[in-house]
């Protein structure tokens, strides 16, 4: 149902919407629609939203489940998602990801990562935020995986802030390697942006540690409130 609508919006806005913002925003509405139709899920968002949806951020979040994508899509602004290339081969869904300008990356293939980061920079220049899971994959436990450097290097090089998100509750919605829906009360919280002005690549470890600590503390608060 969404595919022809997204395609029409992209075609109509192609002459002036170089960042595919409108088509991408419509595409993300699939997440809220799916969550609303699933009686096992209750998804919500909280926190202070950016005043200007077209101010570009490098958005980062912890990663518990494939359902994180559907939960984060509740946020009322468009972002281009850095996603594993395999998702782009899914019929219809993958076609829409290509159509709206999401960014594929092949794991373990250096040239693909370099090309993906350049496309991220291009999106930021077009005043569209980029969404990255710095763990690289979903954690099987409640412990966050180590954060990779890429998102933080990108933010420093592009001169844009990091916008951290904390996700809690999606692990039971769609467990890793299991496509059976489970009951879930989940929330994504938008945290305070972290400026990168004046930082250099030598500051990546400290920036990464600061943002990871912010996400862990917020995620733990959300989990406690959900008990």
N, C-alpha and C. Protein backbone atom coordinates (compact mmCIF):
# COMPACT_ATOMS: atom_id res chain seq x y z
N UNK A 1 0.82 -1.21 0.00
CA UNK A 1 0.00 0.00 0.00
C UNK A 1 0.86 1.27 0.00
N UNK A 2 1.96 1.24 0.76
CA UNK A 2 2.80 2.43 0.86
C UNK A 2 3.65 2.65 -0.39
N UNK A 3 4.02 1.57 -1.06
CA UNK A 3 4.99 1.68 -2.15
C UNK A 3 4.55 2.67 -3.24
N UNK A 4 3.33 2.55 -3.80
CA UNK A 4 2.94 3.51 -4.85
C UNK A 4 2.86 4.94 -4.32
N UNK A 5 2.45 5.12 -3.06
CA UNK A 5 2.38 6.47 -2.49
C UNK A 5 3.77 7.09 -2.36
N UNK A 6 4.72 6.30 -1.85
CA UNK A 6 6.10 6.78 -1.71
C UNK A 6 6.68 7.10 -3.09
N UNK A 7 6.42 6.23 -4.06
CA UNK A 7 6.94 6.44 -5.41
C UNK A 7 6.37 7.72 -6.03
N UNK A 8 5.07 7.97 -5.85
CA UNK A 8 4.45 9.17 -6.41
C UNK A 8 5.03 10.43 -5.76
N UNK A 9 5.15 10.40 -4.43
CA UNK A 9 5.70 11.57 -3.73
C UNK A 9 7.13 11.83 -4.18
N UNK A 10 7.92 10.76 -4.33
CA UNK A 10 9.31 10.96 -4.77
C UNK A 10 9.36 11.54 -6.18
N UNK A 11 8.49 11.05 -7.06
CA UNK A 11 8.47 11.54 -8.44
C UNK A 11 8.06 13.01 -8.49
N UNK A 12 7.04 13.38 -7.73
CA UNK A 12 6.54 14.76 -7.75
C UNK A 12 7.56 15.73 -7.17
N UNK A 13 8.27 15.30 -6.13
CA UNK A 13 9.20 16.22 -5.44
C UNK A 13 10.62 16.14 -5.97
N UNK A 14 10.87 15.27 -6.94
CA UNK A 14 12.23 15.05 -7.45
C UNK A 14 12.92 16.33 -7.92
N UNK A 15 12.22 17.27 -8.60
CA UNK A 15 12.93 18.45 -9.11
C UNK A 15 13.50 19.38 -8.04
N UNK A 16 12.97 19.33 -6.82
CA UNK A 16 13.44 20.29 -5.81
C UNK A 16 13.83 19.66 -4.47
N UNK A 17 13.34 18.47 -4.19
CA UNK A 17 13.64 17.82 -2.90
C UNK A 17 14.81 16.85 -3.09
N UNK A 18 16.02 17.40 -3.20
CA UNK A 18 17.20 16.58 -3.51
C UNK A 18 17.51 15.58 -2.39
N UNK A 19 17.12 15.88 -1.19
CA UNK A 19 17.37 14.96 -0.08
C UNK A 19 16.28 13.93 0.11
N UNK A 20 15.28 13.91 -0.76
CA UNK A 20 14.15 12.95 -0.66
C UNK A 20 13.54 12.97 0.73
N UNK A 21 13.40 14.19 1.28
CA UNK A 21 12.88 14.31 2.64
C UNK A 21 11.41 13.91 2.71
N UNK A 22 10.60 14.42 1.80
CA UNK A 22 9.16 14.15 1.86
C UNK A 22 8.84 12.68 1.66
N UNK A 23 9.45 12.06 0.66
CA UNK A 23 9.21 10.63 0.41
C UNK A 23 9.69 9.79 1.58
N UNK A 24 10.86 10.16 2.13
CA UNK A 24 11.38 9.43 3.28
C UNK A 24 10.49 9.55 4.49
N UNK A 25 9.97 10.75 4.74
CA UNK A 25 9.08 10.96 5.88
C UNK A 25 7.83 10.09 5.75
N UNK A 26 7.27 10.02 4.55
CA UNK A 26 6.10 9.16 4.32
C UNK A 26 6.46 7.69 4.54
N UNK A 27 7.60 7.27 4.04
CA UNK A 27 8.03 5.88 4.18
C UNK A 27 8.13 5.49 5.66
N UNK A 28 8.64 6.39 6.52
CA UNK A 28 8.80 6.06 7.95
C UNK A 28 7.45 5.87 8.63
N UNK A 29 6.36 6.38 8.03
CA UNK A 29 5.05 6.20 8.68
C UNK A 29 4.64 4.74 8.71
N UNK A 30 5.35 3.88 8.00
CA UNK A 30 5.06 2.45 8.07
C UNK A 30 5.26 1.94 9.50
N UNK A 31 6.28 2.46 10.17
CA UNK A 31 6.57 2.01 11.54
C UNK A 31 5.41 2.25 12.48
N UNK A 32 4.91 3.49 12.62
CA UNK A 32 3.75 3.72 13.47
C UNK A 32 2.51 2.92 13.04
N UNK A 33 2.33 2.78 11.72
CA UNK A 33 1.16 2.02 11.24
C UNK A 33 1.23 0.57 11.69
N UNK A 34 2.41 -0.05 11.55
CA UNK A 34 2.56 -1.45 11.95
C UNK A 34 2.39 -1.62 13.45
N UNK A 35 2.95 -0.69 14.23
CA UNK A 35 2.83 -0.78 15.68
C UNK A 35 1.39 -0.62 16.13
N UNK A 36 0.65 0.28 15.47
CA UNK A 36 -0.74 0.50 15.83
C UNK A 36 -1.59 -0.72 15.53
N UNK A 37 -1.28 -1.40 14.43
CA UNK A 37 -2.07 -2.56 14.03
C UNK A 37 -1.73 -3.82 14.82
N UNK A 38 -0.61 -3.80 15.53
CA UNK A 38 -0.19 -4.98 16.29
C UNK A 38 -0.69 -4.86 17.73
N UNK A 39 -1.63 -5.70 18.13
CA UNK A 39 -2.20 -5.57 19.48
C UNK A 39 -1.22 -5.94 20.59
N UNK A 40 -0.09 -6.55 20.24
CA UNK A 40 0.90 -6.95 21.24
C UNK A 40 1.88 -5.83 21.59
N UNK A 41 1.87 -4.77 20.80
CA UNK A 41 2.87 -3.72 20.97
C UNK A 41 2.23 -2.42 21.45
N UNK A 42 2.97 -1.74 22.34
CA UNK A 42 2.64 -0.36 22.71
C UNK A 42 3.95 0.44 22.63
N UNK A 43 4.06 1.26 21.59
CA UNK A 43 5.28 2.02 21.33
C UNK A 43 5.02 3.51 21.56
N UNK A 44 6.04 4.21 22.09
CA UNK A 44 5.91 5.66 22.28
C UNK A 44 7.29 6.29 22.23
N UNK A 45 7.30 7.62 22.10
CA UNK A 45 8.57 8.34 22.17
C UNK A 45 8.46 9.45 23.21
N UNK A 46 9.61 9.90 23.70
CA UNK A 46 9.65 10.95 24.71
C UNK A 46 10.94 11.74 24.53
N UNK A 47 11.11 12.76 25.38
CA UNK A 47 12.30 13.58 25.31
C UNK A 47 12.03 14.90 24.60
N UNK A 48 13.07 15.69 24.45
CA UNK A 48 12.96 17.00 23.79
C UNK A 48 13.31 16.86 22.31
N UNK A 49 12.34 17.11 21.46
CA UNK A 49 12.55 16.96 20.03
C UNK A 49 13.29 18.17 19.48
N UNK A 50 14.08 17.99 18.43
CA UNK A 50 14.76 19.14 17.80
C UNK A 50 13.75 20.19 17.34
N UNK A 51 14.08 21.46 17.60
CA UNK A 51 13.17 22.54 17.21
C UNK A 51 13.05 22.65 15.70
N UNK A 52 14.15 22.37 14.98
CA UNK A 52 14.17 22.45 13.53
C UNK A 52 14.40 21.05 12.96
N UNK A 53 13.39 20.42 12.36
CA UNK A 53 13.56 19.07 11.84
C UNK A 53 14.56 18.97 10.69
N UNK A 54 14.91 20.12 10.09
CA UNK A 54 15.88 20.08 9.00
C UNK A 54 17.29 20.42 9.46
N UNK A 55 17.50 20.61 10.77
CA UNK A 55 18.87 20.74 11.24
C UNK A 55 19.49 19.35 11.23
N UNK A 56 20.59 19.16 10.52
CA UNK A 56 21.13 17.80 10.40
C UNK A 56 21.88 17.36 11.65
N UNK A 57 21.62 16.14 12.07
CA UNK A 57 22.33 15.47 13.16
C UNK A 57 22.85 14.13 12.67
N UNK A 58 23.87 13.62 13.33
CA UNK A 58 24.18 12.20 13.27
C UNK A 58 23.48 11.58 14.47
N UNK A 59 22.43 10.83 14.21
CA UNK A 59 21.59 10.25 15.25
C UNK A 59 22.10 8.84 15.56
N UNK A 60 22.30 8.53 16.84
CA UNK A 60 22.80 7.22 17.22
C UNK A 60 21.90 6.64 18.31
N UNK A 61 21.79 5.30 18.32
CA UNK A 61 20.93 4.63 19.28
C UNK A 61 21.49 3.26 19.62
N UNK A 62 21.15 2.79 20.81
CA UNK A 62 21.40 1.37 21.11
C UNK A 62 20.47 0.52 20.26
N UNK A 63 20.79 -0.77 20.14
CA UNK A 63 20.09 -1.63 19.17
C UNK A 63 19.72 -2.95 19.84
N UNK A 64 18.41 -3.11 20.16
CA UNK A 64 17.94 -4.31 20.85
C UNK A 64 17.26 -5.30 19.92
N UNK A 65 16.64 -4.81 18.86
CA UNK A 65 15.75 -5.66 18.06
C UNK A 65 15.52 -5.01 16.71
N UNK A 66 15.09 -5.83 15.73
CA UNK A 66 14.67 -5.26 14.45
C UNK A 66 13.53 -4.28 14.64
N UNK A 67 12.74 -4.48 15.70
CA UNK A 67 11.63 -3.57 15.98
C UNK A 67 12.09 -2.18 16.37
N UNK A 68 13.38 -2.01 16.68
CA UNK A 68 13.90 -0.66 16.95
C UNK A 68 13.61 0.27 15.78
N UNK A 69 13.71 -0.26 14.57
CA UNK A 69 13.48 0.56 13.38
C UNK A 69 12.04 1.09 13.37
N UNK A 70 11.10 0.23 13.71
CA UNK A 70 9.69 0.63 13.72
C UNK A 70 9.41 1.60 14.86
N UNK A 71 10.08 1.41 15.99
CA UNK A 71 9.90 2.32 17.13
C UNK A 71 10.49 3.69 16.83
N UNK A 72 11.72 3.74 16.36
CA UNK A 72 12.38 5.02 16.09
C UNK A 72 11.67 5.78 14.97
N UNK A 73 11.00 5.05 14.08
CA UNK A 73 10.27 5.70 12.99
C UNK A 73 9.07 6.50 13.50
N UNK A 74 8.71 6.36 14.79
CA UNK A 74 7.67 7.20 15.36
C UNK A 74 8.12 8.65 15.49
N UNK A 75 9.42 8.90 15.53
CA UNK A 75 9.91 10.26 15.69
C UNK A 75 9.49 11.11 14.49
N UNK A 76 9.02 12.33 14.73
CA UNK A 76 8.37 13.11 13.65
C UNK A 76 9.34 13.92 12.80
N UNK A 77 10.39 13.30 12.34
CA UNK A 77 11.26 13.93 11.34
C UNK A 77 11.93 12.83 10.53
N UNK A 78 12.47 13.21 9.40
CA UNK A 78 13.07 12.24 8.48
C UNK A 78 14.57 12.10 8.73
N UNK A 79 15.05 10.87 8.63
CA UNK A 79 16.48 10.57 8.71
C UNK A 79 16.81 9.53 7.65
N UNK A 80 18.00 9.57 7.11
CA UNK A 80 18.46 8.51 6.22
C UNK A 80 19.18 7.47 7.06
N UNK A 81 18.80 6.22 6.89
CA UNK A 81 19.30 5.14 7.73
C UNK A 81 20.48 4.45 7.06
N UNK A 82 21.55 4.28 7.81
CA UNK A 82 22.67 3.44 7.38
C UNK A 82 22.32 2.01 7.76
N UNK A 83 22.14 1.16 6.75
CA UNK A 83 21.61 -0.18 6.99
C UNK A 83 22.42 -1.22 6.22
N UNK A 84 22.41 -2.44 6.72
CA UNK A 84 23.14 -3.50 6.02
C UNK A 84 22.51 -3.75 4.65
N UNK A 85 23.37 -4.04 3.70
CA UNK A 85 22.95 -4.12 2.30
C UNK A 85 21.89 -5.19 2.06
N UNK A 86 21.88 -6.23 2.90
CA UNK A 86 20.91 -7.31 2.70
C UNK A 86 19.47 -6.82 2.78
N UNK A 87 19.22 -5.80 3.59
CA UNK A 87 17.84 -5.31 3.74
C UNK A 87 17.32 -4.69 2.44
N UNK A 88 18.22 -4.17 1.63
CA UNK A 88 17.81 -3.52 0.38
C UNK A 88 17.38 -4.54 -0.67
N UNK A 89 17.63 -5.82 -0.41
CA UNK A 89 17.21 -6.86 -1.36
C UNK A 89 15.84 -7.44 -1.02
N UNK A 90 15.23 -6.96 0.08
CA UNK A 90 13.89 -7.42 0.43
C UNK A 90 12.88 -6.79 -0.55
N UNK A 91 12.06 -7.58 -1.23
CA UNK A 91 11.10 -7.00 -2.19
C UNK A 91 10.21 -5.94 -1.53
N UNK A 92 9.92 -4.92 -2.24
CA UNK A 92 9.06 -3.79 -1.88
C UNK A 92 9.69 -2.94 -0.77
N UNK A 93 9.94 -3.53 0.42
CA UNK A 93 10.55 -2.75 1.49
C UNK A 93 11.92 -2.24 1.08
N UNK A 94 12.75 -3.14 0.54
CA UNK A 94 14.07 -2.74 0.08
C UNK A 94 14.00 -1.74 -1.07
N UNK A 95 13.02 -1.91 -1.95
CA UNK A 95 12.87 -0.96 -3.07
C UNK A 95 12.58 0.44 -2.53
N UNK A 96 11.74 0.50 -1.49
CA UNK A 96 11.42 1.80 -0.93
C UNK A 96 12.63 2.41 -0.23
N UNK A 97 13.45 1.59 0.39
CA UNK A 97 14.67 2.10 1.03
C UNK A 97 15.58 2.74 -0.02
N UNK A 98 15.74 2.09 -1.17
CA UNK A 98 16.50 2.69 -2.27
C UNK A 98 15.87 4.00 -2.72
N UNK A 99 14.53 3.98 -2.87
CA UNK A 99 13.80 5.11 -3.42
C UNK A 99 13.96 6.37 -2.57
N UNK A 100 13.97 6.20 -1.24
CA UNK A 100 14.01 7.37 -0.36
C UNK A 100 15.43 7.75 0.04
N UNK A 101 16.42 7.01 -0.46
CA UNK A 101 17.80 7.41 -0.23
C UNK A 101 18.46 6.87 1.02
N UNK A 102 17.93 5.77 1.58
CA UNK A 102 18.65 5.13 2.67
C UNK A 102 19.98 4.59 2.15
N UNK A 103 20.90 4.29 3.06
CA UNK A 103 22.29 4.09 2.66
C UNK A 103 22.75 2.67 2.99
N UNK A 104 23.03 1.85 1.98
CA UNK A 104 23.46 0.47 2.25
C UNK A 104 24.95 0.39 2.54
N UNK A 105 25.31 -0.57 3.37
CA UNK A 105 26.73 -0.85 3.63
C UNK A 105 26.92 -2.35 3.73
N UNK A 106 27.97 -2.85 3.07
CA UNK A 106 28.31 -4.27 3.14
C UNK A 106 29.33 -4.46 4.24
N UNK A 107 29.01 -5.29 5.21
CA UNK A 107 29.91 -5.52 6.33
C UNK A 107 31.19 -6.20 5.86
N UNK A 108 32.30 -5.72 6.40
CA UNK A 108 33.58 -6.34 6.10
C UNK A 108 34.15 -5.99 4.75
N UNK A 109 33.54 -5.02 4.06
CA UNK A 109 34.03 -4.63 2.74
C UNK A 109 34.36 -3.14 2.79
N UNK A 110 35.64 -2.83 2.89
CA UNK A 110 36.09 -1.47 3.10
C UNK A 110 35.56 -0.44 2.12
N UNK A 111 35.65 -0.70 0.80
CA UNK A 111 35.14 0.28 -0.17
C UNK A 111 33.66 0.61 0.04
N UNK A 112 32.86 -0.38 0.46
CA UNK A 112 31.45 -0.13 0.70
C UNK A 112 31.26 0.83 1.87
N UNK A 113 32.06 0.66 2.92
CA UNK A 113 31.96 1.54 4.08
C UNK A 113 32.34 2.96 3.71
N UNK A 114 33.40 3.11 2.92
CA UNK A 114 33.83 4.46 2.50
C UNK A 114 32.75 5.13 1.65
N UNK A 115 32.15 4.38 0.74
CA UNK A 115 31.09 4.94 -0.11
C UNK A 115 29.88 5.31 0.74
N UNK A 116 29.55 4.46 1.72
CA UNK A 116 28.40 4.74 2.58
C UNK A 116 28.61 6.02 3.39
N UNK A 117 29.82 6.21 3.92
CA UNK A 117 30.10 7.42 4.69
C UNK A 117 30.02 8.67 3.82
N UNK A 118 30.43 8.57 2.57
CA UNK A 118 30.32 9.71 1.67
C UNK A 118 28.86 10.03 1.39
N UNK A 119 28.03 9.02 1.26
CA UNK A 119 26.60 9.26 1.07
C UNK A 119 25.97 9.86 2.33
N UNK A 120 26.47 9.47 3.50
CA UNK A 120 26.02 10.09 4.75
C UNK A 120 26.37 11.57 4.75
N UNK A 121 27.58 11.90 4.34
CA UNK A 121 28.00 13.31 4.29
C UNK A 121 27.10 14.10 3.32
N UNK A 122 26.77 13.47 2.20
CA UNK A 122 25.91 14.13 1.21
C UNK A 122 24.54 14.41 1.81
N UNK A 123 23.97 13.46 2.54
CA UNK A 123 22.67 13.67 3.18
C UNK A 123 22.73 14.82 4.18
N UNK A 124 23.81 14.87 4.97
CA UNK A 124 23.96 15.95 5.94
C UNK A 124 24.07 17.30 5.26
N UNK A 125 24.78 17.34 4.13
CA UNK A 125 24.89 18.60 3.38
C UNK A 125 23.53 19.05 2.85
N UNK A 126 22.64 18.10 2.62
CA UNK A 126 21.29 18.42 2.14
C UNK A 126 20.32 18.65 3.29
N UNK A 127 20.87 18.79 4.49
CA UNK A 127 20.10 19.11 5.69
C UNK A 127 19.11 18.00 6.05
N UNK A 128 19.59 16.76 5.93
CA UNK A 128 18.82 15.60 6.37
C UNK A 128 19.69 14.82 7.34
N UNK A 129 19.14 14.49 8.50
CA UNK A 129 19.89 13.74 9.50
C UNK A 129 20.17 12.31 9.03
N UNK A 130 21.17 11.70 9.65
CA UNK A 130 21.57 10.33 9.34
C UNK A 130 21.43 9.50 10.61
N UNK A 131 20.84 8.32 10.48
CA UNK A 131 20.60 7.43 11.63
C UNK A 131 21.54 6.23 11.55
N UNK A 132 22.33 6.01 12.63
CA UNK A 132 23.32 4.94 12.67
C UNK A 132 23.21 4.20 14.00
N UNK A 133 23.27 2.87 13.96
CA UNK A 133 23.41 2.07 15.17
C UNK A 133 24.90 1.82 15.39
N UNK A 134 25.55 2.52 16.34
CA UNK A 134 27.00 2.39 16.46
C UNK A 134 27.47 1.04 16.98
N UNK A 135 26.56 0.22 17.52
CA UNK A 135 26.96 -1.14 17.91
C UNK A 135 27.20 -2.01 16.66
N UNK A 136 26.60 -1.62 15.56
CA UNK A 136 26.79 -2.36 14.32
C UNK A 136 25.82 -3.49 14.11
N UNK A 137 25.31 -4.07 15.20
CA UNK A 137 24.35 -5.17 15.12
C UNK A 137 23.57 -5.20 16.42
N UNK A 138 22.53 -6.01 16.47
CA UNK A 138 21.71 -6.10 17.68
C UNK A 138 22.43 -6.90 18.76
N UNK A 139 22.36 -6.40 19.98
CA UNK A 139 22.94 -7.12 21.10
C UNK A 139 22.02 -8.25 21.53
N UNK A 140 22.58 -9.40 21.84
CA UNK A 140 21.78 -10.55 22.29
C UNK A 140 21.42 -10.45 23.77
N UNK A 141 22.08 -9.57 24.50
CA UNK A 141 21.85 -9.43 25.94
C UNK A 141 21.52 -7.97 26.25
N UNK A 142 21.30 -7.70 27.54
CA UNK A 142 21.01 -6.33 27.96
C UNK A 142 22.26 -5.46 27.94
N UNK A 143 23.42 -6.05 27.78
CA UNK A 143 24.68 -5.31 27.74
C UNK A 143 24.90 -4.74 26.35
N UNK A 144 25.15 -3.43 26.27
CA UNK A 144 25.44 -2.83 24.97
C UNK A 144 26.76 -3.36 24.43
N UNK A 145 26.81 -3.57 23.13
CA UNK A 145 28.06 -3.92 22.47
C UNK A 145 28.95 -2.68 22.39
N UNK A 146 30.25 -2.85 22.17
CA UNK A 146 31.12 -1.68 21.99
C UNK A 146 30.65 -0.84 20.81
N UNK A 147 30.77 0.47 20.95
CA UNK A 147 30.42 1.38 19.87
C UNK A 147 31.58 1.49 18.87
N UNK A 148 31.26 1.48 17.60
CA UNK A 148 32.26 1.67 16.56
C UNK A 148 32.48 3.17 16.35
N UNK A 149 33.59 3.52 15.71
CA UNK A 149 34.00 4.92 15.58
C UNK A 149 33.24 5.69 14.50
N UNK A 150 32.69 4.98 13.49
CA UNK A 150 32.24 5.64 12.26
C UNK A 150 31.30 6.81 12.45
N UNK A 151 30.25 6.65 13.27
CA UNK A 151 29.27 7.71 13.45
C UNK A 151 29.90 8.95 14.06
N UNK A 152 30.85 8.75 14.95
CA UNK A 152 31.46 9.87 15.68
C UNK A 152 32.50 10.59 14.81
N UNK A 153 33.22 9.83 14.01
CA UNK A 153 34.12 10.45 13.04
C UNK A 153 33.33 11.27 12.03
N UNK A 154 32.22 10.71 11.58
CA UNK A 154 31.37 11.41 10.60
C UNK A 154 30.88 12.73 11.17
N UNK A 155 30.40 12.73 12.41
CA UNK A 155 29.86 13.95 13.02
C UNK A 155 30.93 15.02 13.15
N UNK A 156 32.13 14.62 13.57
CA UNK A 156 33.22 15.58 13.73
C UNK A 156 33.64 16.14 12.38
N UNK A 157 33.81 15.26 11.39
CA UNK A 157 34.25 15.71 10.07
C UNK A 157 33.21 16.61 9.40
N UNK A 158 31.93 16.31 9.61
CA UNK A 158 30.86 17.10 8.99
C UNK A 158 30.51 18.34 9.82
N UNK A 159 31.00 18.41 11.05
CA UNK A 159 30.71 19.56 11.89
C UNK A 159 29.27 19.64 12.35
N UNK A 160 28.64 18.46 12.58
CA UNK A 160 27.24 18.44 13.04
C UNK A 160 27.17 17.77 14.40
N UNK A 161 26.14 18.06 15.19
CA UNK A 161 26.02 17.43 16.51
C UNK A 161 25.61 15.96 16.42
N UNK A 162 25.92 15.25 17.50
CA UNK A 162 25.39 13.90 17.72
C UNK A 162 24.06 14.04 18.44
N UNK A 163 23.04 13.31 18.01
CA UNK A 163 21.77 13.27 18.73
C UNK A 163 21.56 11.84 19.24
N UNK A 164 21.77 11.60 20.54
CA UNK A 164 21.62 10.23 21.06
C UNK A 164 20.15 9.87 21.30
N UNK A 165 19.82 8.62 21.04
CA UNK A 165 18.52 8.06 21.37
C UNK A 165 18.73 6.85 22.28
N UNK A 166 17.83 6.67 23.23
CA UNK A 166 17.85 5.48 24.08
C UNK A 166 16.59 4.67 23.82
N UNK A 167 16.77 3.40 23.51
CA UNK A 167 15.65 2.51 23.20
C UNK A 167 15.54 1.46 24.31
N UNK A 168 14.31 1.20 24.75
CA UNK A 168 14.09 0.16 25.74
C UNK A 168 12.76 -0.53 25.48
N UNK A 169 12.75 -1.86 25.61
CA UNK A 169 11.51 -2.62 25.53
C UNK A 169 11.26 -3.37 24.25
N UNK A 170 12.09 -3.17 23.23
CA UNK A 170 11.83 -3.81 21.94
C UNK A 170 12.36 -5.24 21.87
N UNK A 171 13.21 -5.62 22.83
CA UNK A 171 13.84 -6.95 22.75
C UNK A 171 12.79 -8.06 22.70
N UNK A 172 11.67 -7.88 23.41
CA UNK A 172 10.62 -8.91 23.41
C UNK A 172 9.68 -8.77 22.22
N UNK A 173 9.71 -7.62 21.52
CA UNK A 173 8.81 -7.41 20.38
C UNK A 173 9.19 -8.31 19.21
N UNK A 174 10.49 -8.34 18.90
CA UNK A 174 11.02 -9.20 17.84
C UNK A 174 12.43 -9.62 18.26
N UNK A 175 12.57 -10.74 18.98
CA UNK A 175 13.90 -11.16 19.41
C UNK A 175 14.81 -11.45 18.22
N UNK A 176 16.11 -11.30 18.43
CA UNK A 176 17.07 -11.54 17.36
C UNK A 176 16.95 -12.98 16.87
N UNK A 177 17.00 -13.14 15.52
CA UNK A 177 16.89 -14.45 14.86
C UNK A 177 15.55 -15.12 15.12
N UNK A 178 14.51 -14.32 15.37
CA UNK A 178 13.18 -14.86 15.61
C UNK A 178 12.17 -13.85 15.09
N UNK A 179 11.31 -14.27 14.15
CA UNK A 179 10.35 -13.36 13.54
C UNK A 179 8.96 -13.48 14.15
N UNK A 180 8.85 -14.11 15.32
CA UNK A 180 7.56 -14.21 16.00
C UNK A 180 7.37 -12.99 16.90
N UNK A 181 6.21 -12.34 16.75
CA UNK A 181 5.92 -11.17 17.57
C UNK A 181 5.74 -11.58 19.03
N UNK A 182 6.23 -10.72 19.93
CA UNK A 182 6.00 -10.90 21.35
C UNK A 182 5.40 -9.64 21.94
N UNK A 183 4.94 -9.72 23.16
CA UNK A 183 4.38 -8.54 23.83
C UNK A 183 5.50 -7.55 24.14
N UNK A 184 5.21 -6.28 23.94
CA UNK A 184 6.25 -5.27 24.13
C UNK A 184 5.63 -3.93 24.49
N UNK A 185 6.16 -3.35 25.56
CA UNK A 185 5.91 -1.95 25.89
C UNK A 185 7.26 -1.26 25.72
N UNK A 186 7.40 -0.48 24.66
CA UNK A 186 8.72 0.05 24.29
C UNK A 186 8.67 1.56 24.15
N UNK A 187 9.84 2.17 24.38
CA UNK A 187 9.94 3.63 24.31
C UNK A 187 11.30 4.01 23.75
N UNK A 188 11.31 5.05 22.93
CA UNK A 188 12.55 5.67 22.51
C UNK A 188 12.57 7.09 23.08
N UNK A 189 13.67 7.42 23.75
CA UNK A 189 13.82 8.74 24.35
C UNK A 189 14.88 9.53 23.61
N UNK A 190 14.53 10.76 23.23
CA UNK A 190 15.46 11.66 22.57
C UNK A 190 16.25 12.38 23.65
N UNK A 191 17.57 12.25 23.62
CA UNK A 191 18.43 12.87 24.62
C UNK A 191 18.97 14.21 24.12
N UNK A 192 19.70 14.89 24.97
CA UNK A 192 20.27 16.18 24.61
C UNK A 192 21.32 16.02 23.52
N UNK A 193 21.34 16.90 22.51
CA UNK A 193 22.39 16.82 21.49
C UNK A 193 23.77 17.06 22.09
N UNK A 194 24.77 16.47 21.47
CA UNK A 194 26.16 16.64 21.89
C UNK A 194 26.89 17.35 20.76
N UNK A 195 27.33 18.55 21.00
CA UNK A 195 28.00 19.34 19.98
C UNK A 195 29.39 18.77 19.65
N UNK A 196 29.80 18.95 18.42
CA UNK A 196 31.13 18.50 18.00
C UNK A 196 32.01 19.66 17.56
N UNK A 197 31.50 20.89 17.70
CA UNK A 197 32.28 22.06 17.28
C UNK A 197 33.61 22.10 18.01
N UNK A 198 34.69 22.26 17.26
CA UNK A 198 36.01 22.36 17.85
C UNK A 198 36.69 21.02 18.11
N UNK A 199 35.97 19.92 17.91
CA UNK A 199 36.57 18.61 18.15
C UNK A 199 37.36 18.15 16.93
N UNK A 200 38.35 17.31 17.17
CA UNK A 200 39.13 16.69 16.11
C UNK A 200 38.98 15.18 16.21
N UNK A 201 39.55 14.47 15.25
CA UNK A 201 39.43 13.02 15.27
C UNK A 201 40.11 12.40 16.50
N UNK A 202 41.02 13.12 17.12
CA UNK A 202 41.62 12.62 18.36
C UNK A 202 40.61 12.56 19.50
N UNK A 203 39.50 13.30 19.35
CA UNK A 203 38.47 13.32 20.39
C UNK A 203 37.43 12.22 20.23
N UNK A 204 37.55 11.42 19.18
CA UNK A 204 36.54 10.37 18.93
C UNK A 204 36.36 9.44 20.12
N UNK A 205 37.42 8.89 20.74
CA UNK A 205 37.20 7.98 21.87
C UNK A 205 36.42 8.62 23.02
N UNK A 206 36.76 9.86 23.37
CA UNK A 206 36.07 10.52 24.47
C UNK A 206 34.61 10.82 24.11
N UNK A 207 34.38 11.26 22.87
CA UNK A 207 33.02 11.54 22.41
C UNK A 207 32.18 10.27 22.41
N UNK A 208 32.75 9.22 21.91
CA UNK A 208 32.06 7.92 21.86
C UNK A 208 31.70 7.44 23.26
N UNK A 209 32.64 7.55 24.21
CA UNK A 209 32.39 7.11 25.58
C UNK A 209 31.31 7.95 26.24
N UNK A 210 31.33 9.26 26.00
CA UNK A 210 30.33 10.15 26.58
C UNK A 210 28.93 9.81 26.09
N UNK A 211 28.78 9.63 24.79
CA UNK A 211 27.46 9.35 24.21
C UNK A 211 26.98 7.97 24.65
N UNK A 212 27.86 6.99 24.69
CA UNK A 212 27.47 5.65 25.12
C UNK A 212 26.98 5.68 26.56
N UNK A 213 27.66 6.43 27.43
CA UNK A 213 27.25 6.54 28.82
C UNK A 213 25.88 7.20 28.94
N UNK A 214 25.63 8.23 28.14
CA UNK A 214 24.32 8.88 28.14
C UNK A 214 23.22 7.89 27.77
N UNK A 215 23.47 7.09 26.74
CA UNK A 215 22.46 6.13 26.27
C UNK A 215 22.23 5.04 27.30
N UNK A 216 23.30 4.53 27.90
CA UNK A 216 23.15 3.47 28.90
C UNK A 216 22.32 3.95 30.09
N UNK A 217 22.63 5.16 30.59
CA UNK A 217 21.90 5.68 31.75
C UNK A 217 20.43 5.90 31.42
N UNK A 218 20.14 6.47 30.24
CA UNK A 218 18.74 6.70 29.86
C UNK A 218 18.02 5.39 29.61
N UNK A 219 18.69 4.44 28.95
CA UNK A 219 18.07 3.13 28.70
C UNK A 219 17.72 2.43 30.01
N UNK A 220 18.62 2.50 30.98
CA UNK A 220 18.37 1.86 32.28
C UNK A 220 17.21 2.53 33.01
N UNK A 221 17.09 3.84 32.90
CA UNK A 221 15.96 4.55 33.52
C UNK A 221 14.64 4.13 32.88
N UNK A 222 14.64 4.01 31.56
CA UNK A 222 13.43 3.57 30.86
C UNK A 222 13.06 2.15 31.27
N UNK A 223 14.03 1.27 31.33
CA UNK A 223 13.78 -0.12 31.70
C UNK A 223 13.22 -0.22 33.11
N UNK A 224 13.75 0.59 34.02
CA UNK A 224 13.26 0.58 35.40
C UNK A 224 11.81 1.06 35.46
N UNK A 225 11.49 2.08 34.70
CA UNK A 225 10.13 2.60 34.69
C UNK A 225 9.13 1.62 34.08
N UNK A 226 9.61 0.74 33.19
CA UNK A 226 8.75 -0.22 32.52
C UNK A 226 8.47 -1.47 33.37
N UNK A 227 9.22 -1.64 34.46
CA UNK A 227 9.03 -2.85 35.29
C UNK A 227 7.74 -2.75 36.08
